[in-house]
Amino acid sequence: MDRRKSIKSILLGSVAGGLAIHGCKPGEENEALAQEILKDTNYFGRTPEELEEIEKLNAEQF
């Protein structure tokens, strides 16, 4: 096996792994953006009962 290909594969694999882990890490920025999106959501055509259920579901934590 070619040594250069092996070294290149190891380096690319470590960089890709680092990027994947960093991209999957939840952060405050993502949570703040999600809260802003949920705040600005208009639920046109929903009944009051549905709006209460939506608010209850949005308040839950997993």
PDB file of N, CA and C in Angstrom:
ATOM      1  N   MET A   1       0.849  -1.185   0.000  1.00  0.00           N
ATOM      2  CA  MET A   1       0.000   0.000   0.000  1.00  0.00           C
ATOM      3  C   MET A   1       0.893   1.245   0.000  1.00  0.00           C
ATOM      4  N   ASP A   2       0.460   2.256  -0.677  1.00  0.00           N
ATOM      5  CA  ASP A   2       1.229   3.478  -0.807  1.00  0.00           C
ATOM      6  C   ASP A   2       1.195   4.273   0.499  1.00  0.00           C
ATOM      7  N   ARG A   3       2.365   4.658   0.986  1.00  0.00           N
ATOM      8  CA  ARG A   3       2.473   5.380   2.247  1.00  0.00           C
ATOM      9  C   ARG A   3       1.779   6.738   2.167  1.00  0.00           C
ATOM     10  N   ARG A   4       1.882   7.429   1.067  1.00  0.00           N
ATOM     11  CA  ARG A   4       1.258   8.750   0.928  1.00  0.00           C
ATOM     12  C   ARG A   4      -0.263   8.658   1.007  1.00  0.00           C
ATOM     13  N   LYS A   5      -0.825   7.631   0.384  1.00  0.00           N
ATOM     14  CA  LYS A   5      -2.278   7.452   0.447  1.00  0.00           C
ATOM     15  C   LYS A   5      -2.721   7.149   1.875  1.00  0.00           C
ATOM     16  N   SER A   6      -1.925   6.363   2.590  1.00  0.00           N
ATOM     17  CA  SER A   6      -2.271   6.032   3.974  1.00  0.00           C
ATOM     18  C   SER A   6      -2.248   7.274   4.850  1.00  0.00           C
ATOM     19  N   ILE A   7      -1.218   8.076   4.718  1.00  0.00           N
ATOM     20  CA  ILE A   7      -1.105   9.305   5.517  1.00  0.00           C
ATOM     21  C   ILE A   7      -2.234  10.261   5.169  1.00  0.00           C
ATOM     22  N   LYS A   8      -2.529  10.389   3.879  1.00  0.00           N
ATOM     23  CA  LYS A   8      -3.618  11.266   3.456  1.00  0.00           C
ATOM     24  C   LYS A   8      -4.952  10.782   4.012  1.00  0.00           C
ATOM     25  N   SER A   9      -5.192   9.494   4.000  1.00  0.00           N
ATOM     26  CA  SER A   9      -6.437   8.941   4.537  1.00  0.00           C
ATOM     27  C   SER A   9      -6.549   9.181   6.035  1.00  0.00           C
ATOM     28  N   ILE A  10      -5.457   9.012   6.759  1.00  0.00           N
ATOM     29  CA  ILE A  10      -5.469   9.241   8.211  1.00  0.00           C
ATOM     30  C   ILE A  10      -5.760  10.702   8.513  1.00  0.00           C
ATOM     31  N   LEU A  11      -5.107  11.612   7.810  1.00  0.00           N
ATOM     32  CA  LEU A  11      -5.324  13.042   8.055  1.00  0.00           C
ATOM     33  C   LEU A  11      -6.741  13.468   7.700  1.00  0.00           C
ATOM     34  N   LEU A  12      -7.225  13.041   6.546  1.00  0.00           N
ATOM     35  CA  LEU A  12      -8.580  13.410   6.145  1.00  0.00           C
ATOM     36  C   LEU A  12      -9.622  12.808   7.079  1.00  0.00           C
ATOM     37  N   GLY A  13      -9.393  11.599   7.537  1.00  0.00           N
ATOM     38  CA  GLY A  13     -10.316  10.964   8.474  1.00  0.00           C
ATOM     39  C   GLY A  13     -10.371  11.687   9.800  1.00  0.00           C
ATOM     40  N   SER A  14      -9.227  12.129  10.300  1.00  0.00           N
ATOM     41  CA  SER A  14      -9.221  12.841  11.580  1.00  0.00           C
ATOM     42  C   SER A  14      -9.874  14.211  11.453  1.00  0.00           C
ATOM     43  N   VAL A  15      -9.651  14.895  10.355  1.00  0.00           N
ATOM     44  CA  VAL A  15     -10.286  16.202  10.140  1.00  0.00           C
ATOM     45  C   VAL A  15     -11.796  16.034   9.988  1.00  0.00           C
ATOM     46  N   ALA A  16     -12.220  15.059   9.218  1.00  0.00           N
ATOM     47  CA  ALA A  16     -13.655  14.829   9.025  1.00  0.00           C
ATOM     48  C   ALA A  16     -14.327  14.433  10.337  1.00  0.00           C
ATOM     49  N   GLY A  17     -13.664  13.618  11.139  1.00  0.00           N
ATOM     50  CA  GLY A  17     -14.214  13.232  12.436  1.00  0.00           C
ATOM     51  C   GLY A  17     -14.355  14.421  13.363  1.00  0.00           C
ATOM     52  N   GLY A  18     -13.348  15.280  13.382  1.00  0.00           N
ATOM     53  CA  GLY A  18     -13.415  16.486  14.209  1.00  0.00           C
ATOM     54  C   GLY A  18     -14.532  17.417  13.779  1.00  0.00           C
ATOM     55  N   LEU A  19     -14.703  17.578  12.486  1.00  0.00           N
ATOM     56  CA  LEU A  19     -15.786  18.431  11.990  1.00  0.00           C
ATOM     57  C   LEU A  19     -17.153  17.841  12.296  1.00  0.00           C
ATOM     58  N   ALA A  20     -17.277  16.540  12.206  1.00  0.00           N
ATOM     59  CA  ALA A  20     -18.560  15.895  12.496  1.00  0.00           C
ATOM     60  C   ALA A  20     -18.920  16.052  13.964  1.00  0.00           C
ATOM     61  N   ILE A  21     -17.949  15.869  14.842  1.00  0.00           N
ATOM     62  CA  ILE A  21     -18.218  16.019  16.279  1.00  0.00           C
ATOM     63  C   ILE A  21     -18.545  17.468  16.606  1.00  0.00           C
ATOM     64  N   HIS A  22     -17.816  18.398  16.031  1.00  0.00           N
ATOM     65  CA  HIS A  22     -18.079  19.817  16.292  1.00  0.00           C
ATOM     66  C   HIS A  22     -19.439  20.234  15.743  1.00  0.00           C
ATOM     67  N   GLY A  23     -19.829  19.718  14.604  1.00  0.00           N
ATOM     68  CA  GLY A  23     -21.109  20.069  13.998  1.00  0.00           C
ATOM     69  C   GLY A  23     -22.299  19.496  14.739  1.00  0.00           C
ATOM     70  N   CYS A  24     -22.109  18.395  15.438  1.00  0.00           N
ATOM     71  CA  CYS A  24     -23.211  17.756  16.159  1.00  0.00           C
ATOM     72  C   CYS A  24     -23.349  18.264  17.586  1.00  0.00           C
ATOM     73  N   LYS A  25     -22.397  19.054  18.052  1.00  0.00           N
ATOM     74  CA  LYS A  25     -22.423  19.527  19.432  1.00  0.00           C
ATOM     75  C   LYS A  25     -23.474  20.610  19.586  1.00  0.00           C
ATOM     76  N   PRO A  26     -24.452  20.405  20.468  1.00  0.00           N
ATOM     77  CA  PRO A  26     -25.452  21.459  20.680  1.00  0.00           C
ATOM     78  C   PRO A  26     -24.814  22.637  21.402  1.00  0.00           C
ATOM     79  N   GLY A  27     -25.191  23.823  20.996  1.00  0.00           N
ATOM     80  CA  GLY A  27     -24.627  25.010  21.612  1.00  0.00           C
ATOM     81  C   GLY A  27     -25.682  26.039  21.919  1.00  0.00           C
ATOM     82  N   GLU A  28     -25.249  27.084  22.576  1.00  0.00           N
ATOM     83  CA  GLU A  28     -26.172  28.154  22.936  1.00  0.00           C
ATOM     84  C   GLU A  28     -26.666  28.893  21.697  1.00  0.00           C
ATOM     85  N   GLU A  29     -25.825  28.989  20.689  1.00  0.00           N
ATOM     86  CA  GLU A  29     -26.218  29.689  19.467  1.00  0.00           C
ATOM     87  C   GLU A  29     -27.384  28.973  18.792  1.00  0.00           C
ATOM     88  N   ASN A  30     -27.289  27.653  18.709  1.00  0.00           N
ATOM     89  CA  ASN A  30     -28.357  26.885  18.068  1.00  0.00           C
ATOM     90  C   ASN A  30     -29.645  26.967  18.864  1.00  0.00           C
ATOM     91  N   GLU A  31     -29.542  26.912  20.185  1.00  0.00           N
ATOM     92  CA  GLU A  31     -30.737  26.973  21.023  1.00  0.00           C
ATOM     93  C   GLU A  31     -31.386  28.352  20.933  1.00  0.00           C
ATOM     94  N   ALA A  32     -30.573  29.408  20.917  1.00  0.00           N
ATOM     95  CA  ALA A  32     -31.122  30.758  20.805  1.00  0.00           C
ATOM     96  C   ALA A  32     -31.823  30.941  19.457  1.00  0.00           C
ATOM     97  N   LEU A  33     -31.242  30.408  18.418  1.00  0.00           N
ATOM     98  CA  LEU A  33     -31.852  30.501  17.091  1.00  0.00           C
ATOM     99  C   LEU A  33     -33.168  29.733  17.045  1.00  0.00           C
ATOM    100  N   ALA A  34     -33.210  28.558  17.657  1.00  0.00           N
ATOM    101  CA  ALA A  34     -34.442  27.767  17.678  1.00  0.00           C
ATOM    102  C   ALA A  34     -35.537  28.491  18.449  1.00  0.00           C
ATOM    103  N   GLN A  35     -35.189  29.122  19.570  1.00  0.00           N
ATOM    104  CA  GLN A  35     -36.187  29.854  20.346  1.00  0.00           C
ATOM    105  C   GLN A  35     -36.719  31.049  19.557  1.00  0.00           C
ATOM    106  N   GLU A  36     -35.842  31.718  18.810  1.00  0.00           N
ATOM    107  CA  GLU A  36     -36.270  32.861  18.002  1.00  0.00           C
ATOM    108  C   GLU A  36     -37.211  32.416  16.883  1.00  0.00           C
ATOM    109  N   ILE A  37     -36.907  31.282  16.280  1.00  0.00           N
ATOM    110  CA  ILE A  37     -37.764  30.760  15.216  1.00  0.00           C
ATOM    111  C   ILE A  37     -39.132  30.388  15.771  1.00  0.00           C
ATOM    112  N   LEU A  38     -39.152  29.733  16.927  1.00  0.00           N
ATOM    113  CA  LEU A  38     -40.425  29.339  17.528  1.00  0.00           C
ATOM    114  C   LEU A  38     -41.242  30.542  17.968  1.00  0.00           C
ATOM    115  N   LYS A  39     -40.560  31.597  18.409  1.00  0.00           N
ATOM    116  CA  LYS A  39     -41.261  32.784  18.882  1.00  0.00           C
ATOM    117  C   LYS A  39     -41.982  33.486  17.734  1.00  0.00           C
ATOM    118  N   ASP A  40     -41.363  33.497  16.568  1.00  0.00           N
ATOM    119  CA  ASP A  40     -41.924  34.216  15.427  1.00  0.00           C
ATOM    120  C   ASP A  40     -42.887  33.369  14.593  1.00  0.00           C
ATOM    121  N   THR A  41     -43.167  32.158  15.017  1.00  0.00           N
ATOM    122  CA  THR A  41     -44.039  31.274  14.249  1.00  0.00           C
ATOM    123  C   THR A  41     -45.487  31.703  14.411  1.00  0.00           C
ATOM    124  N   ASN A  42     -46.165  31.869  13.290  1.00  0.00           N
ATOM    125  CA  ASN A  42     -47.588  32.192  13.308  1.00  0.00           C
ATOM    126  C   ASN A  42     -48.373  30.915  13.068  1.00  0.00           C
ATOM    127  N   TYR A  43     -49.297  30.639  13.960  1.00  0.00           N
ATOM    128  CA  TYR A  43     -50.116  29.445  13.829  1.00  0.00           C
ATOM    129  C   TYR A  43     -51.485  29.851  13.305  1.00  0.00           C
ATOM    130  N   PHE A  44     -51.511  30.274  12.071  1.00  0.00           N
ATOM    131  CA  PHE A  44     -52.739  30.725  11.444  1.00  0.00           C
ATOM    132  C   PHE A  44     -53.708  29.560  11.300  1.00  0.00           C
ATOM    133  N   GLY A  45     -54.962  29.783  11.697  1.00  0.00           N
ATOM    134  CA  GLY A  45     -55.989  28.778  11.526  1.00  0.00           C
ATOM    135  C   GLY A  45     -56.064  27.761  12.641  1.00  0.00           C
ATOM    136  N   ARG A  46     -55.328  27.973  13.724  1.00  0.00           N
ATOM    137  CA  ARG A  46     -55.359  27.032  14.844  1.00  0.00           C
ATOM    138  C   ARG A  46     -56.442  27.427  15.835  1.00  0.00           C
ATOM    139  N   THR A  47     -57.065  26.432  16.427  1.00  0.00           N
ATOM    140  CA  THR A  47     -58.061  26.695  17.465  1.00  0.00           C
ATOM    141  C   THR A  47     -57.336  27.011  18.772  1.00  0.00           C
ATOM    142  N   PRO A  48     -57.993  27.651  19.724  1.00  0.00           N
ATOM    143  CA  PRO A  48     -57.339  27.939  21.009  1.00  0.00           C
ATOM    144  C   PRO A  48     -56.820  26.676  21.708  1.00  0.00           C
ATOM    145  N   GLU A  49     -57.543  25.571  21.592  1.00  0.00           N
ATOM    146  CA  GLU A  49     -57.084  24.324  22.204  1.00  0.00           C
ATOM    147  C   GLU A  49     -55.786  23.842  21.552  1.00  0.00           C
ATOM    148  N   GLU A  50     -55.708  23.971  20.231  1.00  0.00           N
ATOM    149  CA  GLU A  50     -54.490  23.568  19.532  1.00  0.00           C
ATOM    150  C   GLU A  50     -53.323  24.467  19.917  1.00  0.00           C
ATOM    151  N   LEU A  51     -53.567  25.763  20.054  1.00  0.00           N
ATOM    152  CA  LEU A  51     -52.504  26.679  20.459  1.00  0.00           C
ATOM    153  C   LEU A  51     -51.988  26.344  21.852  1.00  0.00           C
ATOM    154  N   GLU A  52     -52.893  25.995  22.777  1.00  0.00           N
ATOM    155  CA  GLU A  52     -52.469  25.601  24.122  1.00  0.00           C
ATOM    156  C   GLU A  52     -51.623  24.329  24.071  1.00  0.00           C
ATOM    157  N   GLU A  53     -52.029  23.381  23.250  1.00  0.00           N
ATOM    158  CA  GLU A  53     -51.278  22.126  23.124  1.00  0.00           C
ATOM    159  C   GLU A  53     -49.894  22.381  22.520  1.00  0.00           C
ATOM    160  N   ILE A  54     -49.815  23.263  21.535  1.00  0.00           N
ATOM    161  CA  ILE A  54     -48.530  23.604  20.920  1.00  0.00           C
ATOM    162  C   ILE A  54     -47.617  24.259  21.946  1.00  0.00           C
ATOM    163  N   GLU A  55     -48.146  25.194  22.734  1.00  0.00           N
ATOM    164  CA  GLU A  55     -47.345  25.849  23.767  1.00  0.00           C
ATOM    165  C   GLU A  55     -46.850  24.837  24.794  1.00  0.00           C
ATOM    166  N   LYS A  56     -47.704  23.894  25.164  1.00  0.00           N
ATOM    167  CA  LYS A  56     -47.322  22.867  26.135  1.00  0.00           C
ATOM    168  C   LYS A  56     -46.206  21.985  25.573  1.00  0.00           C
ATOM    169  N   LEU A  57     -46.319  21.600  24.306  1.00  0.00           N
ATOM    170  CA  LEU A  57     -45.295  20.761  23.681  1.00  0.00           C
ATOM    171  C   LEU A  57     -43.973  21.507  23.517  1.00  0.00           C
ATOM    172  N   ASN A  58     -44.034  22.795  23.183  1.00  0.00           N
ATOM    173  CA  ASN A  58     -42.808  23.573  23.020  1.00  0.00           C
ATOM    174  C   ASN A  58     -42.098  23.795  24.347  1.00  0.00           C
ATOM    175  N   ALA A  59     -42.828  23.781  25.455  1.00  0.00           N
ATOM    176  CA  ALA A  59     -42.228  24.003  26.770  1.00  0.00           C
ATOM    177  C   ALA A  59     -41.542  22.752  27.313  1.00  0.00           C
ATOM    178  N   GLU A  60     -41.814  21.575  26.741  1.00  0.00           N
ATOM    179  CA  GLU A  60     -41.224  20.334  27.234  1.00  0.00           C
ATOM    180  C   GLU A  60     -39.741  20.264  26.900  1.00  0.00           C
ATOM    181  N   GLN A  61     -39.001  19.609  27.785  1.00  0.00           N
ATOM    182  CA  GLN A  61     -37.575  19.361  27.583  1.00  0.00           C
ATOM    183  C   GLN A  61     -37.365  17.862  27.400  1.00  0.00           C
ATOM    184  N   PHE A  62     -36.475  17.484  26.496  1.00  0.00           N
ATOM    185  CA  PHE A  62     -36.156  16.074  26.291  1.00  0.00           C
ATOM    186  C   PHE A  62     -34.919  15.717  27.058  1.00  0.00           C
TER     187      PHE A  62
END
